[in-house]
Amino acid sequence: MIRLALLMLVALTILGCATQSASPIAYFSREWDDGRLETLELYADGRVLMDHAGYIDRTTLTSDDVEVLRAALTTIPAAADPASLPKLTLTVADGSPVVVDAEPGTVGALFLSLLERHRLP
């Protein structure tokens, strides 16, 4: 009985590690003029990992929120002015990074809200 429980615990641990290693579907970063960098990783299952210049934070989005972000990722606008600060950069999966702005209603505004407020507007 104890052996079975240990085997189940090992199997669940391995399964948990395997699901945690999935690649993010999007990366978002905010770079400040003083060099501070904040990053956000969005995963398909709704997990969000944020690094606020060394302070790690996590949250989980609903499936509806993930779908809103997926839809927004299909309409990334032309690159914003790379000289504007703070610099906002969005990378979809393994694509090239794009500098975005945070105008209301844009994909940049959605990700910035998630980074700052840990939720969508």
PDB file of N, CA and C in Angstrom:
ATOM      1  N   MET A   1       0.820  -1.193   0.000  1.00  0.00           N
ATOM      2  CA  MET A   1       0.000   0.000   0.000  1.00  0.00           C
ATOM      3  C   MET A   1       0.868   1.262   0.000  1.00  0.00           C
ATOM      4  N   ILE A   2       1.910   1.247   0.826  1.00  0.00           N
ATOM      5  CA  ILE A   2       2.809   2.409   0.886  1.00  0.00           C
ATOM      6  C   ILE A   2       3.551   2.557  -0.432  1.00  0.00           C
ATOM      7  N   ARG A   3       3.964   1.413  -1.021  1.00  0.00           N
ATOM      8  CA  ARG A   3       4.655   1.458  -2.314  1.00  0.00           C
ATOM      9  C   ARG A   3       3.775   2.080  -3.390  1.00  0.00           C
ATOM     10  N   LEU A   4       2.517   1.703  -3.412  1.00  0.00           N
ATOM     11  CA  LEU A   4       1.580   2.247  -4.392  1.00  0.00           C
ATOM     12  C   LEU A   4       1.423   3.754  -4.204  1.00  0.00           C
ATOM     13  N   ALA A   5       1.313   4.191  -2.970  1.00  0.00           N
ATOM     14  CA  ALA A   5       1.190   5.625  -2.685  1.00  0.00           C
ATOM     15  C   ALA A   5       2.444   6.378  -3.132  1.00  0.00           C
ATOM     16  N   LEU A   6       3.616   5.806  -2.875  1.00  0.00           N
ATOM     17  CA  LEU A   6       4.866   6.442  -3.299  1.00  0.00           C
ATOM     18  C   LEU A   6       4.968   6.512  -4.816  1.00  0.00           C
ATOM     19  N   LEU A   7       4.573   5.428  -5.496  1.00  0.00           N
ATOM     20  CA  LEU A   7       4.604   5.421  -6.957  1.00  0.00           C
ATOM     21  C   LEU A   7       3.649   6.474  -7.526  1.00  0.00           C
ATOM     22  N   MET A   8       2.477   6.599  -6.932  1.00  0.00           N
ATOM     23  CA  MET A   8       1.524   7.615  -7.390  1.00  0.00           C
ATOM     24  C   MET A   8       2.083   9.016  -7.168  1.00  0.00           C
ATOM     25  N   LEU A   9       2.733   9.239  -6.029  1.00  0.00           N
ATOM     26  CA  LEU A   9       3.321  10.540  -5.738  1.00  0.00           C
ATOM     27  C   LEU A   9       4.416  10.873  -6.739  1.00  0.00           C
ATOM     28  N   VAL A  10       5.255   9.898  -7.056  1.00  0.00           N
ATOM     29  CA  VAL A  10       6.317  10.105  -8.046  1.00  0.00           C
ATOM     30  C   VAL A  10       5.711  10.406  -9.416  1.00  0.00           C
ATOM     31  N   ALA A  11       4.692   9.659  -9.802  1.00  0.00           N
ATOM     32  CA  ALA A  11       4.044   9.872 -11.106  1.00  0.00           C
ATOM     33  C   ALA A  11       3.416  11.252 -11.192  1.00  0.00           C
ATOM     34  N   LEU A  12       2.747  11.673 -10.141  1.00  0.00           N
ATOM     35  CA  LEU A  12       2.134  13.016 -10.136  1.00  0.00           C
ATOM     36  C   LEU A  12       3.195  14.104 -10.178  1.00  0.00           C
ATOM     37  N   THR A  13       4.305  13.897  -9.493  1.00  0.00           N
ATOM     38  CA  THR A  13       5.388  14.878  -9.512  1.00  0.00           C
ATOM     39  C   THR A  13       5.977  14.998 -10.914  1.00  0.00           C
ATOM     40  N   ILE A  14       6.215  13.872 -11.561  1.00  0.00           N
ATOM     41  CA  ILE A  14       6.746  13.887 -12.929  1.00  0.00           C
ATOM     42  C   ILE A  14       5.764  14.547 -13.878  1.00  0.00           C
ATOM     43  N   LEU A  15       4.490  14.222 -13.744  1.00  0.00           N
ATOM     44  CA  LEU A  15       3.465  14.832 -14.589  1.00  0.00           C
ATOM     45  C   LEU A  15       3.400  16.334 -14.364  1.00  0.00           C
ATOM     46  N   GLY A  16       3.470  16.752 -13.115  1.00  0.00           N
ATOM     47  CA  GLY A  16       3.447  18.180 -12.798  1.00  0.00           C
ATOM     48  C   GLY A  16       4.630  18.908 -13.388  1.00  0.00           C
ATOM     49  N   CYS A  17       5.806  18.300 -13.311  1.00  0.00           N
ATOM     50  CA  CYS A  17       7.004  18.922 -13.894  1.00  0.00           C
ATOM     51  C   CYS A  17       6.888  18.999 -15.408  1.00  0.00           C
ATOM     52  N   ALA A  18       6.322  17.991 -16.011  1.00  0.00           N
ATOM     53  CA  ALA A  18       6.192  17.977 -17.473  1.00  0.00           C
ATOM     54  C   ALA A  18       5.244  19.070 -17.942  1.00  0.00           C
ATOM     55  N   THR A  19       4.145  19.279 -17.230  1.00  0.00           N
ATOM     56  CA  THR A  19       3.199  20.304 -17.674  1.00  0.00           C
ATOM     57  C   THR A  19       3.731  21.698 -17.399  1.00  0.00           C
ATOM     58  N   GLN A  20       4.600  21.857 -16.424  1.00  0.00           N
ATOM     59  CA  GLN A  20       5.151  23.169 -16.111  1.00  0.00           C
ATOM     60  C   GLN A  20       6.209  23.602 -17.134  1.00  0.00           C
ATOM     61  N   SER A  21       6.722  22.673 -17.926  1.00  0.00           N
ATOM     62  CA  SER A  21       7.808  23.010 -18.839  1.00  0.00           C
ATOM     63  C   SER A  21       7.313  23.442 -20.219  1.00  0.00           C
ATOM     64  N   ALA A  22       6.005  23.540 -20.404  1.00  0.00           N
ATOM     65  CA  ALA A  22       5.475  23.977 -21.698  1.00  0.00           C
ATOM     66  C   ALA A  22       6.004  25.369 -22.031  1.00  0.00           C
ATOM     67  N   SER A  23       6.162  25.635 -23.305  1.00  0.00           N
ATOM     68  CA  SER A  23       6.679  26.930 -23.740  1.00  0.00           C
ATOM     69  C   SER A  23       5.595  27.998 -23.669  1.00  0.00           C
ATOM     70  N   PRO A  24       5.982  29.216 -23.320  1.00  0.00           N
ATOM     71  CA  PRO A  24       5.005  30.313 -23.302  1.00  0.00           C
ATOM     72  C   PRO A  24       4.471  30.596 -24.704  1.00  0.00           C
ATOM     73  N   ILE A  25       3.226  31.075 -24.783  1.00  0.00           N
ATOM     74  CA  ILE A  25       2.676  31.459 -26.081  1.00  0.00           C
ATOM     75  C   ILE A  25       2.989  32.916 -26.388  1.00  0.00           C
ATOM     76  N   ALA A  26       3.388  33.683 -25.366  1.00  0.00           N
ATOM     77  CA  ALA A  26       3.773  35.078 -25.596  1.00  0.00           C
ATOM     78  C   ALA A  26       4.670  35.563 -24.465  1.00  0.00           C
ATOM     79  N   TYR A  27       5.580  36.450 -24.830  1.00  0.00           N
ATOM     80  CA  TYR A  27       6.445  37.142 -23.879  1.00  0.00           C
ATOM     81  C   TYR A  27       6.147  38.628 -24.002  1.00  0.00           C
ATOM     82  N   PHE A  28       6.156  39.336 -22.878  1.00  0.00           N
ATOM     83  CA  PHE A  28       5.958  40.779 -22.889  1.00  0.00           C
ATOM     84  C   PHE A  28       6.979  41.368 -21.943  1.00  0.00           C
ATOM     85  N   SER A  29       7.573  42.494 -22.317  1.00  0.00           N
ATOM     86  CA  SER A  29       8.537  43.126 -21.419  1.00  0.00           C
ATOM     87  C   SER A  29       8.372  44.640 -21.427  1.00  0.00           C
ATOM     88  N   ARG A  30       8.739  45.222 -20.289  1.00  0.00           N
ATOM     89  CA  ARG A  30       8.743  46.681 -20.157  1.00  0.00           C
ATOM     90  C   ARG A  30      10.127  47.071 -19.662  1.00  0.00           C
ATOM     91  N   GLU A  31      10.804  47.884 -20.457  1.00  0.00           N
ATOM     92  CA  GLU A  31      12.152  48.334 -20.117  1.00  0.00           C
ATOM     93  C   GLU A  31      12.103  49.820 -19.783  1.00  0.00           C
ATOM     94  N   TRP A  32      12.570  50.152 -18.585  1.00  0.00           N
ATOM     95  CA  TRP A  32      12.564  51.537 -18.118  1.00  0.00           C
ATOM     96  C   TRP A  32      13.860  52.236 -18.510  1.00  0.00           C
ATOM     97  N   ASP A  33      13.834  53.563 -18.518  1.00  0.00           N
ATOM     98  CA  ASP A  33      15.027  54.323 -18.919  1.00  0.00           C
ATOM     99  C   ASP A  33      16.192  54.138 -17.947  1.00  0.00           C
ATOM    100  N   ASP A  34      15.942  53.681 -16.712  1.00  0.00           N
ATOM    101  CA  ASP A  34      17.029  53.441 -15.766  1.00  0.00           C
ATOM    102  C   ASP A  34      17.584  52.020 -15.855  1.00  0.00           C
ATOM    103  N   GLY A  35      17.106  51.242 -16.850  1.00  0.00           N
ATOM    104  CA  GLY A  35      17.621  49.899 -17.070  1.00  0.00           C
ATOM    105  C   GLY A  35      16.815  48.786 -16.421  1.00  0.00           C
ATOM    106  N   ARG A  36      15.838  49.125 -15.577  1.00  0.00           N
ATOM    107  CA  ARG A  36      15.010  48.077 -14.975  1.00  0.00           C
ATOM    108  C   ARG A  36      14.208  47.371 -16.064  1.00  0.00           C
ATOM    109  N   LEU A  37      14.033  46.076 -15.890  1.00  0.00           N
ATOM    110  CA  LEU A  37      13.300  45.283 -16.871  1.00  0.00           C
ATOM    111  C   LEU A  37      12.244  44.460 -16.143  1.00  0.00           C
ATOM    112  N   GLU A  38      11.021  44.526 -16.650  1.00  0.00           N
ATOM    113  CA  GLU A  38       9.934  43.696 -16.148  1.00  0.00           C
ATOM    114  C   GLU A  38       9.507  42.780 -17.287  1.00  0.00           C
ATOM    115  N   THR A  39       9.248  41.524 -16.965  1.00  0.00           N
ATOM    116  CA  THR A  39       8.856  40.576 -18.005  1.00  0.00           C
ATOM    117  C   THR A  39       7.599  39.819 -17.591  1.00  0.00           C
ATOM    118  N   LEU A  40       6.910  39.300 -18.598  1.00  0.00           N
ATOM    119  CA  LEU A  40       5.703  38.513 -18.395  1.00  0.00           C
ATOM    120  C   LEU A  40       5.725  37.369 -19.396  1.00  0.00           C
ATOM    121  N   GLU A  41       5.425  36.167 -18.938  1.00  0.00           N
ATOM    122  CA  GLU A  41       5.294  35.003 -19.805  1.00  0.00           C
ATOM    123  C   GLU A  41       3.868  34.485 -19.676  1.00  0.00           C
ATOM    124  N   LEU A  42       3.191  34.313 -20.809  1.00  0.00           N
ATOM    125  CA  LEU A  42       1.829  33.798 -20.837  1.00  0.00           C
ATOM    126  C   LEU A  42       1.841  32.395 -21.412  1.00  0.00           C
ATOM    127  N   TYR A  43       1.208  31.453 -20.697  1.00  0.00           N
ATOM    128  CA  TYR A  43       1.128  30.064 -21.132  1.00  0.00           C
ATOM    129  C   TYR A  43      -0.297  29.745 -21.581  1.00  0.00           C
ATOM    130  N   ALA A  44      -0.429  28.757 -22.441  1.00  0.00           N
ATOM    131  CA  ALA A  44      -1.722  28.397 -23.021  1.00  0.00           C
ATOM    132  C   ALA A  44      -2.745  27.976 -21.973  1.00  0.00           C
ATOM    133  N   ASP A  45      -2.286  27.431 -20.853  1.00  0.00           N
ATOM    134  CA  ASP A  45      -3.222  26.985 -19.814  1.00  0.00           C
ATOM    135  C   ASP A  45      -3.647  28.114 -18.870  1.00  0.00           C
ATOM    136  N   GLY A  46      -3.206  29.346 -19.156  1.00  0.00           N
ATOM    137  CA  GLY A  46      -3.608  30.490 -18.349  1.00  0.00           C
ATOM    138  C   GLY A  46      -2.593  30.920 -17.309  1.00  0.00           C
ATOM    139  N   ARG A  47      -1.536  30.136 -17.133  1.00  0.00           N
ATOM    140  CA  ARG A  47      -0.508  30.545 -16.171  1.00  0.00           C
ATOM    141  C   ARG A  47       0.215  31.777 -16.680  1.00  0.00           C
ATOM    142  N   VAL A  48       0.519  32.681 -15.754  1.00  0.00           N
ATOM    143  CA  VAL A  48       1.265  33.890 -16.080  1.00  0.00           C
ATOM    144  C   VAL A  48       2.389  34.005 -15.060  1.00  0.00           C
ATOM    145  N   LEU A  49       3.608  34.150 -15.561  1.00  0.00           N
ATOM    146  CA  LEU A  49       4.774  34.331 -14.711  1.00  0.00           C
ATOM    147  C   LEU A  49       5.326  35.724 -14.984  1.00  0.00           C
ATOM    148  N   MET A  50       5.444  36.526 -13.925  1.00  0.00           N
ATOM    149  CA  MET A  50       5.933  37.895 -14.072  1.00  0.00           C
ATOM    150  C   MET A  50       7.190  38.088 -13.239  1.00  0.00           C
ATOM    151  N   ASP A  51       8.113  38.860 -13.775  1.00  0.00           N
ATOM    152  CA  ASP A  51       9.318  39.237 -13.044  1.00  0.00           C
ATOM    153  C   ASP A  51       9.354  40.755 -13.034  1.00  0.00           C
ATOM    154  N   HIS A  52       9.113  41.329 -11.858  1.00  0.00           N
ATOM    155  CA  HIS A  52       9.118  42.781 -11.690  1.00  0.00           C
ATOM    156  C   HIS A  52      10.494  43.204 -11.172  1.00  0.00           C
ATOM    157  N   ALA A  53      11.470  43.243 -12.072  1.00  0.00           N
ATOM    158  CA  ALA A  53      12.844  43.630 -11.738  1.00  0.00           C
ATOM    159  C   ALA A  53      13.371  42.840 -10.548  1.00  0.00           C
ATOM    160  N   GLY A  54      13.180  41.535 -10.575  1.00  0.00           N
ATOM    161  CA  GLY A  54      13.702  40.663  -9.527  1.00  0.00           C
ATOM    162  C   GLY A  54      12.648  40.137  -8.576  1.00  0.00           C
ATOM    163  N   TYR A  55      11.472  40.716  -8.549  1.00  0.00           N
ATOM    164  CA  TYR A  55      10.375  40.230  -7.713  1.00  0.00           C
ATOM    165  C   TYR A  55       9.476  39.357  -8.585  1.00  0.00           C
ATOM    166  N   ILE A  56       9.402  38.064  -8.275  1.00  0.00           N
ATOM    167  CA  ILE A  56       8.647  37.114  -9.081  1.00  0.00           C
ATOM    168  C   ILE A  56       7.201  37.061  -8.594  1.00  0.00           C
ATOM    169  N   ASP A  57       6.286  37.072  -9.539  1.00  0.00           N
ATOM    170  CA  ASP A  57       4.862  37.028  -9.234  1.00  0.00           C
ATOM    171  C   ASP A  57       4.193  36.075 -10.207  1.00  0.00           C
ATOM    172  N   ARG A  58       3.143  35.403  -9.754  1.00  0.00           N
ATOM    173  CA  ARG A  58       2.410  34.454 -10.594  1.00  0.00           C
ATOM    174  C   ARG A  58       0.916  34.695 -10.455  1.00  0.00           C
ATOM    175  N   THR A  59       0.201  34.408 -11.521  1.00  0.00           N
ATOM    176  CA  THR A  59      -1.254  34.430 -11.480  1.00  0.00           C
ATOM    177  C   THR A  59      -1.755  33.436 -12.521  1.00  0.00           C
ATOM    178  N   THR A  60      -3.038  33.156 -12.484  1.00  0.00           N
ATOM    179  CA  THR A  60      -3.648  32.278 -13.468  1.00  0.00           C
ATOM    180  C   THR A  60      -4.874  32.968 -14.041  1.00  0.00           C
ATOM    181  N   LEU A  61      -4.954  33.016 -15.354  1.00  0.00           N
ATOM    182  CA  LEU A  61      -6.088  33.644 -16.035  1.00  0.00           C
ATOM    183  C   LEU A  61      -7.181  32.618 -16.310  1.00  0.00           C
ATOM    184  N   THR A  62      -8.387  33.115 -16.479  1.00  0.00           N
ATOM    185  CA  THR A  62      -9.477  32.240 -16.900  1.00  0.00           C
ATOM    186  C   THR A  62      -9.288  31.887 -18.372  1.00  0.00           C
ATOM    187  N   SER A  63      -9.967  30.853 -18.825  1.00  0.00           N
ATOM    188  CA  SER A  63      -9.861  30.478 -20.242  1.00  0.00           C
ATOM    189  C   SER A  63     -10.406  31.599 -21.132  1.00  0.00           C
ATOM    190  N   ASP A  64     -11.414  32.333 -20.660  1.00  0.00           N
ATOM    191  CA  ASP A  64     -11.945  33.469 -21.432  1.00  0.00           C
ATOM    192  C   ASP A  64     -10.883  34.548 -21.614  1.00  0.00           C
ATOM    193  N   ASP A  65     -10.134  34.857 -20.533  1.00  0.00           N
ATOM    194  CA  ASP A  65      -9.072  35.866 -20.632  1.00  0.00           C
ATOM    195  C   ASP A  65      -7.965  35.416 -21.582  1.00  0.00           C
ATOM    196  N   VAL A  66      -7.632  34.131 -21.536  1.00  0.00           N
ATOM    197  CA  VAL A  66      -6.604  33.606 -22.455  1.00  0.00           C
ATOM    198  C   VAL A  66      -7.075  33.761 -23.893  1.00  0.00           C
ATOM    199  N   GLU A  67      -8.335  33.492 -24.154  1.00  0.00           N
ATOM    200  CA  GLU A  67      -8.869  33.640 -25.515  1.00  0.00           C
ATOM    201  C   GLU A  67      -8.849  35.106 -25.963  1.00  0.00           C
ATOM    202  N   VAL A  68      -9.135  36.040 -25.058  1.00  0.00           N
ATOM    203  CA  VAL A  68      -9.051  37.466 -25.391  1.00  0.00           C
ATOM    204  C   VAL A  68      -7.624  37.813 -25.816  1.00  0.00           C
ATOM    205  N   LEU A  69      -6.649  37.341 -25.062  1.00  0.00           N
ATOM    206  CA  LEU A  69      -5.249  37.625 -25.401  1.00  0.00           C
ATOM    207  C   LEU A  69      -4.833  36.924 -26.694  1.00  0.00           C
ATOM    208  N   ARG A  70      -5.262  35.695 -26.892  1.00  0.00           N
ATOM    209  CA  ARG A  70      -4.942  34.993 -28.151  1.00  0.00           C
ATOM    210  C   ARG A  70      -5.490  35.765 -29.352  1.00  0.00           C
ATOM    211  N   ALA A  71      -6.714  36.246 -29.233  1.00  0.00           N
ATOM    212  CA  ALA A  71      -7.313  37.029 -30.328  1.00  0.00           C
ATOM    213  C   ALA A  71      -6.527  38.313 -30.549  1.00  0.00           C
ATOM    214  N   ALA A  72      -6.123  38.965 -29.472  1.00  0.00           N
ATOM    215  CA  ALA A  72      -5.359  40.208 -29.602  1.00  0.00           C
ATOM    216  C   ALA A  72      -3.994  39.960 -30.240  1.00  0.00           C
ATOM    217  N   LEU A  73      -3.416  38.808 -29.979  1.00  0.00           N
ATOM    218  CA  LEU A  73      -2.102  38.483 -30.552  1.00  0.00           C
ATOM    219  C   LEU A  73      -2.149  38.311 -32.062  1.00  0.00           C
ATOM    220  N   THR A  74      -3.318  38.108 -32.623  1.00  0.00           N
ATOM    221  CA  THR A  74      -3.426  37.975 -34.074  1.00  0.00           C
ATOM    222  C   THR A  74      -3.460  39.328 -34.764  1.00  0.00           C
ATOM    223  N   THR A  75      -3.574  40.399 -34.000  1.00  0.00           N
ATOM    224  CA  THR A  75      -3.674  41.747 -34.583  1.00  0.00           C
ATOM    225  C   THR A  75      -2.624  42.674 -34.000  1.00  0.00           C
ATOM    226  N   ILE A  76      -1.378  42.249 -34.013  1.00  0.00           N
ATOM    227  CA  ILE A  76      -0.307  43.096 -33.489  1.00  0.00           C
ATOM    228  C   ILE A  76      -0.064  44.229 -34.484  1.00  0.00           C
ATOM    229  N   PRO A  77      -0.164  45.477 -34.032  1.00  0.00           N
ATOM    230  CA  PRO A  77       0.014  46.607 -34.936  1.00  0.00           C
ATOM    231  C   PRO A  77       1.475  46.775 -35.354  1.00  0.00           C
ATOM    232  N   ALA A  78       1.687  47.668 -36.280  1.00  0.00           N
ATOM    233  CA  ALA A  78       3.059  47.993 -36.706  1.00  0.00           C
ATOM    234  C   ALA A  78       3.856  48.456 -35.495  1.00  0.00           C
ATOM    235  N   ALA A  79       5.151  48.322 -35.575  1.00  0.00           N
ATOM    236  CA  ALA A  79       6.024  48.652 -34.453  1.00  0.00           C
ATOM    237  C   ALA A  79       5.871  50.113 -34.026  1.00  0.00           C
ATOM    238  N   ALA A  80       5.869  50.301 -32.707  1.00  0.00           N
ATOM    239  CA  ALA A  80       5.822  51.650 -32.140  1.00  0.00           C
ATOM    240  C   ALA A  80       7.225  52.249 -32.179  1.00  0.00           C
ATOM    241  N   ASP A  81       7.336  53.491 -31.800  1.00  0.00           N
ATOM    242  CA  ASP A  81       8.620  54.186 -31.768  1.00  0.00           C
ATOM    243  C   ASP A  81       9.530  53.517 -30.743  1.00  0.00           C
ATOM    244  N   PRO A  82      10.641  52.910 -31.177  1.00  0.00           N
ATOM    245  CA  PRO A  82      11.521  52.232 -30.232  1.00  0.00           C
ATOM    246  C   PRO A  82      12.221  53.185 -29.263  1.00  0.00           C
ATOM    247  N   ALA A  83      12.174  54.493 -29.527  1.00  0.00           N
ATOM    248  CA  ALA A  83      12.817  55.447 -28.636  1.00  0.00           C
ATOM    249  C   ALA A  83      11.920  55.818 -27.450  1.00  0.00           C
ATOM    250  N   SER A  84      10.621  55.465 -27.534  1.00  0.00           N
ATOM    251  CA  SER A  84       9.720  55.821 -26.440  1.00  0.00           C
ATOM    252  C   SER A  84      10.024  54.976 -25.209  1.00  0.00           C
ATOM    253  N   LEU A  85       9.912  55.603 -24.042  1.00  0.00           N
ATOM    254  CA  LEU A  85      10.170  54.901 -22.793  1.00  0.00           C
ATOM    255  C   LEU A  85       8.977  55.062 -21.875  1.00  0.00           C
ATOM    256  N   PRO A  86       8.623  54.080 -21.090  1.00  0.00           N
ATOM    257  CA  PRO A  86       9.270  52.771 -21.090  1.00  0.00           C
ATOM    258  C   PRO A  86       8.992  52.010 -22.382  1.00  0.00           C
ATOM    259  N   LYS A  87       9.956  51.234 -22.779  1.00  0.00           N
ATOM    260  CA  LYS A  87       9.863  50.465 -24.022  1.00  0.00           C
ATOM    261  C   LYS A  87       9.068  49.187 -23.760  1.00  0.00           C
ATOM    262  N   LEU A  88       8.024  48.952 -24.556  1.00  0.00           N
ATOM    263  CA  LEU A  88       7.173  47.773 -24.422  1.00  0.00           C
ATOM    264  C   LEU A  88       7.431  46.845 -25.603  1.00  0.00           C
ATOM    265  N   THR A  89       7.803  45.619 -25.321  1.00  0.00           N
ATOM    266  CA  THR A  89       8.134  44.661 -26.370  1.00  0.00           C
ATOM    267  C   THR A  89       7.274  43.412 -26.207  1.00  0.00           C
ATOM    268  N   LEU A  90       6.740  42.920 -27.315  1.00  0.00           N
ATOM    269  CA  LEU A  90       5.906  41.725 -27.318  1.00  0.00           C
ATOM    270  C   LEU A  90       6.491  40.724 -28.305  1.00  0.00           C
ATOM    271  N   THR A  91       6.614  39.473 -27.866  1.00  0.00           N
ATOM    272  CA  THR A  91       7.084  38.397 -28.728  1.00  0.00           C
ATOM    273  C   THR A  91       6.063  37.275 -28.673  1.00  0.00           C
ATOM    274  N   VAL A  92       5.557  36.856 -29.811  1.00  0.00           N
ATOM    275  CA  VAL A  92       4.597  35.762 -29.870  1.00  0.00           C
ATOM    276  C   VAL A  92       5.359  34.475 -30.120  1.00  0.00           C
ATOM    277  N   ALA A  93       5.244  33.536 -29.182  1.00  0.00           N
ATOM    278  CA  ALA A  93       5.906  32.230 -29.241  1.00  0.00           C
ATOM    279  C   ALA A  93       7.364  32.392 -29.648  1.00  0.00           C
ATOM    280  N   ASP A  94       7.767  31.829 -30.777  1.00  0.00           N
ATOM    281  CA  ASP A  94       9.173  31.903 -31.198  1.00  0.00           C
ATOM    282  C   ASP A  94       9.395  32.975 -32.256  1.00  0.00           C
ATOM    283  N   GLY A  95       8.488  33.926 -32.360  1.00  0.00           N
ATOM    284  CA  GLY A  95       8.601  34.967 -33.374  1.00  0.00           C
ATOM    285  C   GLY A  95       9.584  36.060 -32.997  1.00  0.00           C
ATOM    286  N   SER A  96       9.624  37.058 -33.824  1.00  0.00           N
ATOM    287  CA  SER A  96      10.506  38.197 -33.578  1.00  0.00           C
ATOM    288  C   SER A  96       9.835  39.173 -32.623  1.00  0.00           C
ATOM    289  N   PRO A  97      10.615  39.823 -31.753  1.00  0.00           N
ATOM    290  CA  PRO A  97      10.042  40.808 -30.845  1.00  0.00           C
ATOM    291  C   PRO A  97       9.573  42.052 -31.603  1.00  0.00           C
ATOM    292  N   VAL A  98       8.453  42.619 -31.143  1.00  0.00           N
ATOM    293  CA  VAL A  98       7.892  43.825 -31.748  1.00  0.00           C
ATOM    294  C   VAL A  98       7.694  44.851 -30.639  1.00  0.00           C
ATOM    295  N   VAL A  99       8.158  46.068 -30.873  1.00  0.00           N
ATOM    296  CA  VAL A  99       7.918  47.153 -29.922  1.00  0.00           C
ATOM    297  C   VAL A  99       6.483  47.616 -30.127  1.00  0.00           C
ATOM    298  N   VAL A 100       5.687  47.615 -29.049  1.00  0.00           N
ATOM    299  CA  VAL A 100       4.277  47.981 -29.132  1.00  0.00           C
ATOM    300  C   VAL A 100       4.004  49.201 -28.257  1.00  0.00           C
ATOM    301  N   ASP A 101       2.867  49.841 -28.497  1.00  0.00           N
ATOM    302  CA  ASP A 101       2.464  50.934 -27.618  1.00  0.00           C
ATOM    303  C   ASP A 101       1.328  50.453 -26.727  1.00  0.00           C
ATOM    304  N   ALA A 102       0.916  51.290 -25.803  1.00  0.00           N
ATOM    305  CA  ALA A 102      -0.128  50.905 -24.854  1.00  0.00           C
ATOM    306  C   ALA A 102      -1.388  51.728 -25.042  1.00  0.00           C
ATOM    307  N   GLU A 103      -1.674  52.104 -26.279  1.00  0.00           N
ATOM    308  CA  GLU A 103      -2.911  52.840 -26.549  1.00  0.00           C
ATOM    309  C   GLU A 103      -4.104  51.966 -26.155  1.00  0.00           C
ATOM    310  N   PRO A 104      -5.140  52.561 -25.576  1.00  0.00           N
ATOM    311  CA  PRO A 104      -6.309  51.769 -25.170  1.00  0.00           C
ATOM    312  C   PRO A 104      -6.845  50.920 -26.326  1.00  0.00           C
ATOM    313  N   GLY A 105      -7.161  49.677 -26.006  1.00  0.00           N
ATOM    314  CA  GLY A 105      -7.713  48.767 -26.997  1.00  0.00           C
ATOM    315  C   GLY A 105      -6.677  47.979 -27.779  1.00  0.00           C
ATOM    316  N   THR A 106      -5.394  48.238 -27.562  1.00  0.00           N
ATOM    317  CA  THR A 106      -4.356  47.520 -28.295  1.00  0.00           C
ATOM    318  C   THR A 106      -3.865  46.319 -27.500  1.00  0.00           C
ATOM    319  N   VAL A 107      -3.173  45.422 -28.174  1.00  0.00           N
ATOM    320  CA  VAL A 107      -2.596  44.265 -27.513  1.00  0.00           C
ATOM    321  C   VAL A 107      -1.586  44.712 -26.458  1.00  0.00           C
ATOM    322  N   GLY A 108      -0.865  45.793 -26.718  1.00  0.00           N
ATOM    323  CA  GLY A 108       0.080  46.323 -25.735  1.00  0.00           C
ATOM    324  C   GLY A 108      -0.611  46.754 -24.452  1.00  0.00           C
ATOM    325  N   ALA A 109      -1.777  47.371 -24.583  1.00  0.00           N
ATOM    326  CA  ALA A 109      -2.539  47.811 -23.406  1.00  0.00           C
ATOM    327  C   ALA A 109      -3.021  46.610 -22.587  1.00  0.00           C
ATOM    328  N   LEU A 110      -3.422  45.534 -23.269  1.00  0.00           N
ATOM    329  CA  LEU A 110      -3.871  44.334 -22.563  1.00  0.00           C
ATOM    330  C   LEU A 110      -2.738  43.725 -21.739  1.00  0.00           C
ATOM    331  N   PHE A 111      -1.581  43.566 -22.370  1.00  0.00           N
ATOM    332  CA  PHE A 111      -0.453  42.964 -21.662  1.00  0.00           C
ATOM    333  C   PHE A 111       0.081  43.883 -20.569  1.00  0.00           C
ATOM    334  N   LEU A 112       0.066  45.189 -20.795  1.00  0.00           N
ATOM    335  CA  LEU A 112       0.521  46.126 -19.762  1.00  0.00           C
ATOM    336  C   LEU A 112      -0.406  46.065 -18.550  1.00  0.00           C
ATOM    337  N   SER A 113      -1.704  45.976 -18.781  1.00  0.00           N
ATOM    338  CA  SER A 113      -2.664  45.841 -17.681  1.00  0.00           C
ATOM    339  C   SER A 113      -2.393  44.559 -16.895  1.00  0.00           C
ATOM    340  N   LEU A 114      -2.114  43.475 -17.603  1.00  0.00           N
ATOM    341  CA  LEU A 114      -1.816  42.208 -16.942  1.00  0.00           C
ATOM    342  C   LEU A 114      -0.543  42.319 -16.110  1.00  0.00           C
ATOM    343  N   LEU A 115       0.474  42.977 -16.628  1.00  0.00           N
ATOM    344  CA  LEU A 115       1.724  43.148 -15.915  1.00  0.00           C
ATOM    345  C   LEU A 115       1.549  44.019 -14.678  1.00  0.00           C
ATOM    346  N   GLU A 116       0.782  45.096 -14.802  1.00  0.00           N
ATOM    347  CA  GLU A 116       0.629  46.041 -13.685  1.00  0.00           C
ATOM    348  C   GLU A 116      -0.434  45.632 -12.677  1.00  0.00           C
ATOM    349  N   ARG A 117      -1.576  45.158 -13.164  1.00  0.00           N
ATOM    350  CA  ARG A 117      -2.718  44.896 -12.285  1.00  0.00           C
ATOM    351  C   ARG A 117      -3.010  43.414 -12.072  1.00  0.00           C
ATOM    352  N   HIS A 118      -2.278  42.565 -12.824  1.00  0.00           N
ATOM    353  CA  HIS A 118      -2.440  41.110 -12.766  1.00  0.00           C
ATOM    354  C   HIS A 118      -3.836  40.672 -13.225  1.00  0.00           C
ATOM    355  N   ARG A 119      -4.439  41.480 -14.086  1.00  0.00           N
ATOM    356  CA  ARG A 119      -5.733  41.139 -14.675  1.00  0.00           C
ATOM    357  C   ARG A 119      -5.906  41.973 -15.949  1.00  0.00           C
ATOM    358  N   LEU A 120      -6.869  41.599 -16.760  1.00  0.00           N
ATOM    359  CA  LEU A 120      -7.166  42.359 -17.972  1.00  0.00           C
ATOM    360  C   LEU A 120      -8.061  43.535 -17.616  1.00  0.00           C
ATOM    361  N   PRO A 121      -8.039  44.595 -18.440  1.00  0.00           N
ATOM    362  CA  PRO A 121      -8.877  45.767 -18.122  1.00  0.00           C
ATOM    363  C   PRO A 121     -10.353  45.449 -18.225  1.00  0.00           C
TER     364      PRO A 121
END
